[in-house]
Amino acid sequence: MSGAMKSRFVYSVASVLLGAAGLFSSPAYADHPWKDAPQSAQIVADAALERVQLGSLLPHGADTFLALSEEGRPVLLDSQNHTHPFPIDTAAQEQISPLAFLTQAGSDYWGLAVSPQAKLVHLSVDGKLIGEVPFVGGTLKGSNLTALQVHGSFAYVTDEGKPALVVVSLKNGKAQRFLPYDPSVTGRRPFTRNAQITNGPDGHPLTGGNVRLLALDAKGQWLFYMPACGPLYRIDASLLTDPAFTPVEQLDGIVEWRDTPSLGGITLSPENVFYMSDLTDGALLQFGSERNPLILIRDTRLLEAGALAVSDSHQVAVLTSEDGKPHILRIALP
């Protein structure tokens, strides 16, 4: 088995047999190299945005998306790429704490607030506050929470500052840390942008940080996570939510799922197709059930890309920075 798609160990024979079919059943024996798609995607719109963060983007209907303002407020990006408060009602907006990240679970939305205390913020489909779940434990001095996924009764959070995965019970807020300082949550190779290694002030290569990107499959079974410098790892979410599993079994369940270039964002469509914003070469990548890693489009505007999302209208929207100003690229898929 090659290094890029190998399991550290097989943590149970049963899990292998049960997962023998489908995209997320077992790792491939070798990474196929990224190659150009038979048909390229096309950028159909490039619009400047006002005071929008690059770290969160969610679909909201066929041609609209949700993002966060620089102040951490949810904003709606309409089909003409204009921004609107979400929700529209000012009083409802003021009930929502500033958010660092936004995700979707079913028809609802969940936000991650990090100051003054880490908590999860539950929003309705129209953006109104449903409730809050403060963390009970789970963070340390120096923690930097960077990504969020929610399914069922649990939220999954990445801690880049004190590298670990954090799992929070939505019932009582109890937060637990997993895989602390494991190699899979630690940036261990140079971060590259435009095919150039990023160096620090001392001239030494930078990794781009620790675990930062997170995705969850549609059924909530497989959790995917990675540092910005790659690679992409996978673990069965039940290993982190079922107390019957031991730390040794959790470590044994880690799979290095796919080697990647340095990424600014990753998303998993409802059809369980990965889309990634490639900062190393400035590209939009796709990795689907056929395990065929494709380069959908190359464009220098993608060298500063962040979060991305797939709409219902067969488009991928990507947040990026152009001349220091946030932009949204709308890309029609082939």
Foldseek 3Di string as FASTA:
>chain_A
DDPQWFFPADLDPVLQVVLVDFQPNGADPDADDAAADPAFWFFPDKFFAPQWDQAEWEAQAFQKIWGAGVQQFIWIQGNVRYTAGQQNDPVQRVVDHRFQYKDDEPLWIWGWDPPPFTKIWTAGNRGGTDDIATADDADDVQWDWAYWDDYDQWIWIATQRQGFIWIAGNVHNYIDTACGPPPFFFQDDFAAAQQHGDADPVRHGDSQTGKHAWEAALNRQKIWIHRQQDDIKIFGCCCVVPVVHDNVSRSSRITSHGGAGRFQYWYADNQRKIWTQHRNQAFIWIADRVRRIYTNDHDSQSNFWHYWYARPNQWIWIWGADPNTIMITIIHGD
